Amino acid sequence: MLRERAGSSEVVIDLPEGARVGDALRELSGLAAGLPLVMAVNREYAREEQQLEPGDELALIPPVAGGDTMSSPWVRVTGEPLSADALLARVRDPRAGALVTFSGVTREVERLEYEAYAEMAEERLGAIAAQALDRHGLCAAAVEHRVGGVPLAEPSVVVAVSAPHRGEAFAGAREIIDRVKAEAPIWKKEVEGGTERWVEGRPPERGD
C-alpha cells in the first residue's frame, strides 16, 4: 500500500543532524497518513525517539498479512503536548467500524505536574493495551501519557482504539484508561498559585 502511494519502493529525504524516527515520519505524513505502522531502522524495529544517522534505512511497516489485530500497540510517555487527533490517526484501520478516544485533562487547578518511571511506565502501557486489544478483539490501540507540567484543560493522557463495532471499542478504551490509572508508575502534583500538593494514590496493582 505504501509503495503504491509513493509510486516507488523507496524515497530519499533530507533531515537535519540529530533527527529522529518521528521527524522522518512527520516528513512523510502525507504518505503514511491513516495507517497503523511500526518502524524499523536498518532492519531492526525502532521507536520514534530513536536517532537517525546519515544513510540509515527507515522502513515503514503496515500490519502484516497474517494478523487479525495489530500485534504491537503504540505507546509513549512524553513531555510534549498530546494530540487526540494524532493518536486517532494511528489506530485507523479499514476493518474498523468504530473509533473511540479518551482524553484525561487537567481540571480545577492551574496545572498538574507529572513524574514517571518512564521506562517501566511505557512497558506497562504497552502490556495493558496489548491485553485489551486481545481481550476485546480491537483492530488497534494506542496510549500516550504526558510528564512535566500540564496546564488547565490540556490532556495528560490520551487513549485511542479502533474495533469492528462500538461495543468492543468503548469497552477496550475503558479498560485501558482504568488500568493505566491503577497500574502505571506515574505520579501527579497539583499546583495552584504558590501551593503544591502531591495527589494521594494507592499502591499500584500488578495487572494480568
Protein backbone atom coordinates (compact mmCIF):
# COMPACT_ATOMS: atom_id res chain seq x y z
CA MET A 1 0.00 0.00 0.00
CA LEU A 2 2.78 2.43 0.89
CA ARG A 3 4.70 1.56 -2.25
CA GLU A 4 1.60 2.25 -4.34
CA ARG A 5 1.06 5.61 -2.65
CA ALA A 6 4.67 6.66 -3.16
CA GLY A 7 4.91 5.30 -6.70
CA SER A 8 8.26 3.79 -5.70
CA SER A 9 9.69 1.18 -3.36
CA GLU A 10 11.86 3.80 -1.66
CA VAL A 11 12.20 7.55 -1.22
CA VAL A 12 15.13 9.68 -0.06
CA ILE A 13 14.54 12.51 2.42
CA ASP A 14 16.86 15.14 3.85
CA LEU A 15 16.69 15.73 7.60
CA PRO A 16 18.75 17.95 9.92
CA GLU A 17 21.52 16.50 12.06
CA GLY A 18 20.13 14.82 15.17
CA ALA A 19 16.79 13.98 13.54
CA ARG A 20 14.83 11.05 14.93
CA VAL A 21 12.45 8.47 13.51
CA GLY A 22 9.48 10.66 14.50
CA ASP A 23 10.91 13.55 12.44
CA ALA A 24 11.10 11.30 9.39
CA LEU A 25 7.50 10.18 9.92
CA ARG A 26 6.34 13.79 10.06
CA GLU A 27 8.22 14.46 6.82
CA LEU A 28 6.35 11.52 5.30
CA SER A 29 2.98 12.30 6.90
CA GLY A 30 1.17 12.55 3.58
CA LEU A 31 2.39 9.10 2.62
CA ALA A 32 1.77 7.36 5.94
CA ALA A 33 -1.48 9.08 6.98
CA GLY A 34 -4.19 6.77 8.30
CA LEU A 35 -2.07 3.64 8.58
CA PRO A 36 -1.11 1.94 11.88
CA LEU A 37 2.60 1.45 11.27
CA VAL A 38 5.63 0.08 13.02
CA MET A 39 9.09 1.29 12.05
CA ALA A 40 12.43 -0.39 11.51
CA VAL A 41 15.83 1.26 11.23
CA ASN A 42 18.43 -0.76 9.36
CA ARG A 43 16.13 -3.80 9.68
CA GLU A 44 15.66 -3.53 13.46
CA TYR A 45 12.32 -2.43 14.94
CA ALA A 46 12.59 1.11 16.31
CA ARG A 47 10.60 3.69 18.29
CA GLU A 48 10.00 7.27 17.20
CA GLU A 49 12.60 8.54 19.69
CA GLN A 50 15.48 6.67 18.01
CA GLN A 51 18.05 8.98 16.42
CA LEU A 52 18.85 8.59 12.76
CA GLU A 53 22.28 8.71 11.15
CA PRO A 54 23.17 9.68 7.56
CA GLY A 55 22.42 6.81 5.21
CA ASP A 56 20.11 4.96 7.61
CA GLU A 57 17.36 2.89 6.04
CA LEU A 58 13.96 3.53 7.64
CA ALA A 59 11.24 1.01 6.81
CA LEU A 60 7.56 1.79 7.37
CA ILE A 61 5.75 -1.47 8.04
CA PRO A 62 1.94 -1.72 7.87
CA PRO A 63 0.12 -4.58 9.64
CA VAL A 64 1.37 -7.91 8.29
CA ALA A 65 -0.91 -10.01 6.13
CA GLY A 66 -1.34 -12.83 8.64
CA GLY A 67 -2.50 -10.78 11.62
CA ASP A 68 -6.12 -10.27 12.62
CA THR A 69 -5.16 -7.48 15.02
CA MET A 70 -2.30 -5.08 15.42
CA SER A 71 0.37 -7.12 17.21
CA SER A 72 2.03 -4.21 19.00
CA PRO A 73 0.07 -1.23 20.35
CA TRP A 74 1.69 2.18 20.06
CA VAL A 75 2.53 3.76 23.44
CA ARG A 76 4.58 6.73 24.58
CA VAL A 77 5.46 8.68 27.73
CA THR A 78 6.47 12.19 26.67
CA GLY A 79 7.00 15.74 27.85
CA GLU A 80 5.37 17.08 24.69
CA PRO A 81 1.72 18.23 24.41
CA LEU A 82 -0.65 15.43 23.40
CA SER A 83 -2.99 15.36 20.41
CA ALA A 84 -6.06 13.13 20.34
CA ASP A 85 -6.33 13.57 16.56
CA ALA A 86 -2.74 12.43 16.04
CA LEU A 87 -3.27 9.36 18.20
CA LEU A 88 -6.55 8.58 16.46
CA ALA A 89 -4.72 8.54 13.13
CA ARG A 90 -2.50 5.75 14.50
CA VAL A 91 -5.44 3.40 15.10
CA ARG A 92 -7.43 3.93 11.91
CA ASP A 93 -7.97 0.59 10.22
CA PRO A 94 -10.07 -0.48 7.22
CA ARG A 95 -11.63 -3.25 9.35
CA ALA A 96 -12.82 -0.80 11.99
CA GLY A 97 -16.39 0.48 12.18
CA ALA A 98 -15.76 2.32 15.45
CA LEU A 99 -13.06 4.67 16.68
CA VAL A 100 -13.00 5.75 20.34
CA THR A 101 -10.70 8.22 22.07
CA PHE A 102 -10.44 9.26 25.70
CA SER A 103 -8.58 12.35 26.92
CA GLY A 104 -7.93 12.98 30.59
CA VAL A 105 -7.46 16.74 31.12
CA THR A 106 -6.32 18.98 33.96
CA ARG A 107 -9.28 20.45 35.85
CA GLU A 108 -9.87 22.87 38.72
CA VAL A 109 -6.19 23.72 39.29
CA GLU A 110 -3.67 25.88 37.46
CA ARG A 111 -1.65 22.86 36.35
CA LEU A 112 -0.66 19.32 37.20
CA GLU A 113 2.96 18.19 37.39
CA TYR A 114 3.51 14.56 36.40
CA GLU A 115 6.50 12.37 37.15
CA ALA A 116 7.01 8.83 35.91
CA TYR A 117 9.35 5.89 36.00
CA ALA A 118 9.25 6.31 32.23
CA GLU A 119 10.86 3.07 31.04
CA MET A 120 8.64 0.92 33.22
CA ALA A 121 5.59 3.08 32.52
CA GLU A 122 5.93 2.57 28.76
CA GLU A 123 6.28 -1.18 29.21
CA ARG A 124 3.20 -1.20 31.45
CA LEU A 125 1.17 0.89 28.99
CA GLY A 126 2.16 -1.48 26.20
CA ALA A 127 1.15 -4.56 28.19
CA ILE A 128 -2.19 -3.03 29.21
CA ALA A 129 -3.03 -2.01 25.65
CA ALA A 130 -1.95 -5.37 24.21
CA GLN A 131 -4.14 -7.28 26.67
CA ALA A 132 -7.14 -5.07 25.93
CA LEU A 133 -6.51 -5.44 22.22
CA ASP A 134 -6.63 -9.21 22.51
CA ARG A 135 -9.47 -9.39 25.05
CA HIS A 136 -11.86 -7.14 23.13
CA GLY A 137 -10.86 -8.01 19.57
CA LEU A 138 -9.65 -4.49 18.82
CA CYS A 139 -8.11 -3.62 15.49
CA ALA A 140 -5.55 -1.28 17.07
CA ALA A 141 -4.80 0.56 20.30
CA ALA A 142 -2.55 3.48 21.27
CA VAL A 143 -1.79 5.27 24.55
CA GLU A 144 0.17 8.41 25.35
CA HIS A 145 0.86 9.90 28.79
CA ARG A 146 2.42 13.27 29.38
CA VAL A 147 5.01 14.10 32.04
CA GLY A 148 6.05 17.51 33.33
CA GLY A 149 3.62 20.40 33.63
CA VAL A 150 0.14 20.05 32.12
CA PRO A 151 -1.85 23.33 32.22
CA LEU A 152 -5.57 23.64 32.90
CA ALA A 153 -7.77 21.96 30.23
CA GLU A 154 -4.84 20.29 28.43
CA PRO A 155 -4.69 16.47 28.20
CA SER A 156 -2.30 14.47 30.38
CA VAL A 157 -3.33 11.08 28.96
CA VAL A 158 -4.93 10.03 25.67
CA VAL A 159 -6.21 6.58 24.70
CA ALA A 160 -7.34 5.68 21.18
CA VAL A 161 -8.73 2.37 19.95
CA SER A 162 -10.43 1.02 16.85
CA ALA A 163 -12.68 -2.03 16.59
CA PRO A 164 -15.21 -3.55 14.21
CA HIS A 165 -18.11 -2.48 16.48
CA ARG A 166 -18.74 0.26 19.05
CA GLY A 167 -19.27 -2.07 21.99
CA GLU A 168 -15.78 -3.53 21.75
CA ALA A 169 -14.26 -0.09 21.11
CA PHE A 170 -15.88 1.50 24.19
CA ALA A 171 -15.04 -1.49 26.40
CA GLY A 172 -11.42 -1.62 25.22
CA ALA A 173 -10.82 2.09 25.74
CA ARG A 174 -12.44 1.97 29.20
CA GLU A 175 -10.31 -0.98 30.26
CA ILE A 176 -7.11 0.69 29.09
CA ILE A 177 -7.63 4.00 30.89
CA ASP A 178 -8.86 2.34 34.09
CA ARG A 179 -5.80 0.08 34.23
CA VAL A 180 -3.38 2.86 33.31
CA LYS A 181 -4.64 4.85 36.29
CA ALA A 182 -4.30 1.81 38.58
CA GLU A 183 -1.06 0.23 37.36
CA ALA A 184 1.31 2.66 35.64
CA PRO A 185 4.13 4.11 37.80
CA ILE A 186 3.09 7.74 37.21
CA TRP A 187 2.50 10.38 39.91
CA LYS A 188 0.99 13.86 39.91
CA LYS A 189 1.23 17.05 41.91
CA GLU A 190 -1.43 19.79 41.94
CA VAL A 191 -0.10 23.34 41.52
CA GLU A 192 -2.29 26.35 42.27
CA GLY A 193 -0.67 29.73 42.76
CA GLY A 194 2.23 29.19 45.13
CA THR A 195 0.81 25.97 46.58
CA GLU A 196 1.89 22.47 45.56
CA ARG A 197 0.32 19.22 46.73
CA TRP A 198 1.07 15.64 45.76
CA VAL A 199 -2.14 13.78 44.94
CA GLU A 200 -2.57 10.79 47.23
CA GLY A 201 -2.72 7.46 45.48
CA ARG A 202 -2.59 3.78 46.32
CA PRO A 203 -0.09 1.00 45.73
CA PRO A 204 -0.10 0.13 42.01
CA GLU A 205 -1.93 -3.05 41.03
CA ARG A 206 0.04 -5.83 39.40
CA GLY A 207 -2.38 -6.33 36.49
CA ASP A 208 -2.62 -9.52 34.45
